[in-house]
N, C-alpha and C. Protein backbone atom coordinates (compact mmCIF):
# COMPACT_ATOMS: atom_id res chain seq x y z
N UNK A 1 0.84 -1.17 0.00
CA UNK A 1 0.00 0.00 0.00
C UNK A 1 0.90 1.24 0.00
N UNK A 2 0.50 2.22 -0.77
CA UNK A 2 1.28 3.45 -0.86
C UNK A 2 1.21 4.20 0.47
N UNK A 3 2.31 4.83 0.85
CA UNK A 3 2.35 5.49 2.16
C UNK A 3 1.31 6.61 2.31
N UNK A 4 1.09 7.38 1.25
CA UNK A 4 0.13 8.48 1.37
C UNK A 4 -1.28 7.96 1.57
N UNK A 5 -1.58 6.81 0.97
CA UNK A 5 -2.91 6.22 1.13
C UNK A 5 -3.09 5.69 2.55
N UNK A 6 -2.08 5.03 3.08
CA UNK A 6 -2.16 4.51 4.44
C UNK A 6 -2.30 5.65 5.44
N UNK A 7 -1.50 6.70 5.29
CA UNK A 7 -1.56 7.83 6.21
C UNK A 7 -2.91 8.54 6.12
N UNK A 8 -3.43 8.69 4.92
CA UNK A 8 -4.74 9.33 4.74
C UNK A 8 -5.85 8.51 5.38
N UNK A 9 -5.79 7.20 5.21
CA UNK A 9 -6.82 6.34 5.80
C UNK A 9 -6.76 6.34 7.33
N UNK A 10 -5.56 6.36 7.87
CA UNK A 10 -5.42 6.42 9.33
C UNK A 10 -5.99 7.73 9.85
N UNK A 11 -5.63 8.84 9.23
CA UNK A 11 -6.14 10.14 9.68
C UNK A 11 -7.64 10.24 9.52
N UNK A 12 -8.17 9.71 8.43
CA UNK A 12 -9.61 9.72 8.21
C UNK A 12 -10.32 8.86 9.25
N UNK A 13 -9.73 7.73 9.59
CA UNK A 13 -10.31 6.86 10.61
C UNK A 13 -10.34 7.52 11.97
N UNK A 14 -9.27 8.21 12.34
CA UNK A 14 -9.22 8.92 13.62
C UNK A 14 -10.27 10.03 13.63
N UNK A 15 -10.39 10.75 12.53
CA UNK A 15 -11.40 11.80 12.42
C UNK A 15 -12.80 11.22 12.58
N UNK A 16 -13.09 10.13 11.86
CA UNK A 16 -14.42 9.53 11.91
C UNK A 16 -14.75 9.02 13.31
N UNK A 17 -13.79 8.41 13.97
CA UNK A 17 -14.02 7.91 15.32
C UNK A 17 -14.30 9.06 16.29
N UNK A 18 -13.49 10.10 16.24
CA UNK A 18 -13.69 11.25 17.12
C UNK A 18 -15.02 11.94 16.81
N UNK A 19 -15.35 12.07 15.54
CA UNK A 19 -16.61 12.70 15.14
C UNK A 19 -17.80 11.90 15.65
N UNK A 20 -17.73 10.58 15.52
CA UNK A 20 -18.83 9.72 15.98
C UNK A 20 -19.01 9.82 17.49
N UNK A 21 -17.91 9.81 18.23
CA UNK A 21 -18.00 9.91 19.69
C UNK A 21 -18.60 11.25 20.09
N UNK A 22 -18.18 12.31 19.44
CA UNK A 22 -18.72 13.63 19.77
C UNK A 22 -20.19 13.76 19.39
N UNK A 23 -20.59 13.15 18.29
CA UNK A 23 -22.00 13.19 17.89
C UNK A 23 -22.85 12.39 18.87
N UNK A 24 -22.35 11.27 19.36
CA UNK A 24 -23.07 10.48 20.36
C UNK A 24 -23.21 11.28 21.65
N UNK A 25 -22.22 12.12 21.95
CA UNK A 25 -22.26 12.95 23.15
C UNK A 25 -23.12 14.21 22.96
N UNK A 26 -23.85 14.29 21.87
CA UNK A 26 -24.77 15.40 21.56
C UNK A 26 -24.08 16.76 21.42
N UNK A 27 -22.89 16.77 20.88
CA UNK A 27 -22.21 18.01 20.54
C UNK A 27 -22.72 18.42 19.16
N UNK A 28 -22.98 19.71 18.91
CA UNK A 28 -23.45 20.13 17.58
C UNK A 28 -22.50 19.65 16.48
N UNK A 29 -23.05 19.34 15.30
CA UNK A 29 -22.27 18.71 14.24
C UNK A 29 -21.10 19.57 13.79
N UNK A 30 -21.30 20.88 13.72
CA UNK A 30 -20.22 21.74 13.23
C UNK A 30 -19.07 21.82 14.25
N UNK A 31 -19.41 21.79 15.53
CA UNK A 31 -18.38 21.80 16.55
C UNK A 31 -17.69 20.43 16.61
N UNK A 32 -18.47 19.37 16.42
CA UNK A 32 -17.90 18.02 16.37
C UNK A 32 -16.89 17.90 15.24
N UNK A 33 -17.22 18.47 14.08
CA UNK A 33 -16.32 18.40 12.93
C UNK A 33 -15.02 19.14 13.20
N UNK A 34 -15.11 20.31 13.81
CA UNK A 34 -13.90 21.09 14.10
C UNK A 34 -13.03 20.37 15.12
N UNK A 35 -13.66 19.90 16.20
CA UNK A 35 -12.90 19.22 17.24
C UNK A 35 -12.29 17.93 16.70
N UNK A 36 -13.05 17.16 15.90
CA UNK A 36 -12.54 15.91 15.33
C UNK A 36 -11.37 16.18 14.38
N UNK A 37 -11.42 17.28 13.63
CA UNK A 37 -10.32 17.63 12.74
C UNK A 37 -9.06 17.94 13.53
N UNK A 38 -9.21 18.68 14.62
CA UNK A 38 -8.06 19.01 15.47
C UNK A 38 -7.50 17.75 16.12
N UNK A 39 -8.38 16.88 16.60
CA UNK A 39 -7.94 15.61 17.19
C UNK A 39 -7.20 14.77 16.16
N UNK A 40 -7.76 14.67 14.95
CA UNK A 40 -7.11 13.91 13.89
C UNK A 40 -5.74 14.45 13.54
N UNK A 41 -5.62 15.77 13.50
CA UNK A 41 -4.33 16.39 13.22
C UNK A 41 -3.32 16.08 14.31
N UNK A 42 -3.73 16.25 15.56
CA UNK A 42 -2.81 16.03 16.69
C UNK A 42 -2.39 14.56 16.80
N UNK A 43 -3.35 13.66 16.69
CA UNK A 43 -3.03 12.23 16.79
C UNK A 43 -2.12 11.81 15.64
N UNK A 44 -2.42 12.28 14.43
CA UNK A 44 -1.57 11.96 13.29
C UNK A 44 -0.16 12.49 13.44
N UNK A 45 -0.04 13.69 13.99
CA UNK A 45 1.27 14.30 14.16
C UNK A 45 2.08 13.60 15.25
N UNK A 46 1.42 13.27 16.35
CA UNK A 46 2.13 12.71 17.49
C UNK A 46 2.44 11.23 17.32
N UNK A 47 1.46 10.44 16.89
CA UNK A 47 1.59 8.99 16.92
C UNK A 47 1.95 8.34 15.58
N UNK A 48 1.80 9.04 14.48
CA UNK A 48 2.05 8.42 13.18
C UNK A 48 3.17 9.11 12.42
N UNK A 49 4.26 9.38 13.14
CA UNK A 49 5.42 10.03 12.53
C UNK A 49 6.09 9.19 11.46
N UNK A 50 6.13 7.87 11.68
CA UNK A 50 6.76 7.00 10.67
C UNK A 50 6.00 7.04 9.35
N UNK A 51 4.68 7.00 9.43
CA UNK A 51 3.88 7.07 8.20
C UNK A 51 4.06 8.43 7.52
N UNK A 52 4.08 9.49 8.32
CA UNK A 52 4.25 10.83 7.78
C UNK A 52 5.61 10.97 7.10
N UNK A 53 6.64 10.41 7.72
CA UNK A 53 7.98 10.43 7.12
C UNK A 53 8.02 9.61 5.83
N UNK A 54 7.31 8.48 5.82
CA UNK A 54 7.27 7.66 4.60
C UNK A 54 6.58 8.42 3.46
N UNK A 55 5.55 9.19 3.78
CA UNK A 55 4.87 10.00 2.77
C UNK A 55 5.84 11.06 2.23
N UNK A 56 6.57 11.71 3.12
CA UNK A 56 7.52 12.74 2.71
C UNK A 56 8.61 12.15 1.82
N UNK A 57 9.13 10.98 2.19
CA UNK A 57 10.17 10.34 1.36
C UNK A 57 9.62 9.91 0.01
N UNK A 58 8.37 9.47 -0.02
CA UNK A 58 7.74 9.10 -1.29
C UNK A 58 7.60 10.32 -2.20
N UNK A 59 7.24 11.45 -1.62
CA UNK A 59 7.11 12.68 -2.41
C UNK A 59 8.48 13.10 -2.94
N UNK A 60 9.50 13.03 -2.11
CA UNK A 60 10.85 13.38 -2.56
C UNK A 60 11.29 12.45 -3.68
N UNK A 61 11.00 11.16 -3.54
CA UNK A 61 11.38 10.19 -4.56
C UNK A 61 10.68 10.48 -5.88
N UNK A 62 9.41 10.81 -5.82
CA UNK A 62 8.66 11.11 -7.05
C UNK A 62 9.14 12.39 -7.71
N UNK A 63 9.49 13.38 -6.90
CA UNK A 63 9.94 14.66 -7.45
C UNK A 63 11.34 14.55 -8.04
N UNK A 64 12.15 13.61 -7.56
CA UNK A 64 13.53 13.51 -8.05
C UNK A 64 13.65 12.69 -9.33
N UNK A 65 12.63 11.93 -9.65
CA UNK A 65 12.68 11.14 -10.89
C UNK A 65 12.55 12.04 -12.11
N UNK A 66 13.29 11.74 -13.16
CA UNK A 66 13.12 12.53 -14.39
C UNK A 66 11.79 12.20 -15.05
N UNK A 67 11.22 13.19 -15.65
CA UNK A 67 9.94 13.00 -16.34
C UNK A 67 10.18 12.38 -17.70
N UNK A 68 9.45 11.32 -18.02
CA UNK A 68 9.59 10.64 -19.31
C UNK A 68 8.43 10.99 -20.23
N UNK A 69 7.81 12.13 -19.98
CA UNK A 69 6.65 12.57 -20.76
C UNK A 69 7.12 13.17 -22.09
N UNK A 70 6.51 12.74 -23.20
CA UNK A 70 6.89 13.23 -24.52
C UNK A 70 6.56 14.71 -24.67
N UNK A 71 5.46 15.15 -24.09
CA UNK A 71 5.09 16.56 -24.15
C UNK A 71 6.12 17.44 -23.45
N UNK A 72 6.55 17.02 -22.29
CA UNK A 72 7.54 17.79 -21.56
C UNK A 72 8.87 17.85 -22.32
N UNK A 73 9.25 16.74 -22.91
CA UNK A 73 10.48 16.71 -23.69
C UNK A 73 10.41 17.64 -24.89
N UNK A 74 9.25 17.70 -25.55
CA UNK A 74 9.08 18.58 -26.69
C UNK A 74 9.10 20.04 -26.26
N UNK A 75 8.48 20.36 -25.13
CA UNK A 75 8.49 21.73 -24.65
C UNK A 75 9.88 22.16 -24.22
N UNK A 76 10.62 21.26 -23.60
CA UNK A 76 11.97 21.60 -23.16
C UNK A 76 12.92 21.78 -24.33
N UNK A 77 12.66 21.07 -25.43
CA UNK A 77 13.54 21.15 -26.60
C UNK A 77 13.41 22.48 -27.32
N UNK A 78 12.26 23.12 -27.24
CA UNK A 78 12.08 24.37 -27.99
C UNK A 78 12.45 25.60 -27.22
């Protein structure tokens, strides 16, 4: 599984769980969404550093590869 997909699914799961708990606790939906987003951000930052680092390394790897696109080669040639 690609690192960005795993990290996104983990963060989405944390958000959904926090949102569901807050909705069960009868917190208004808009406040539940804000609080769940903050919780998802904090939990992702604190506990999922390895996944976040893997996403960053994947982005660096993709950016460092040369583009094999014919359109880009034609534009660069002119």
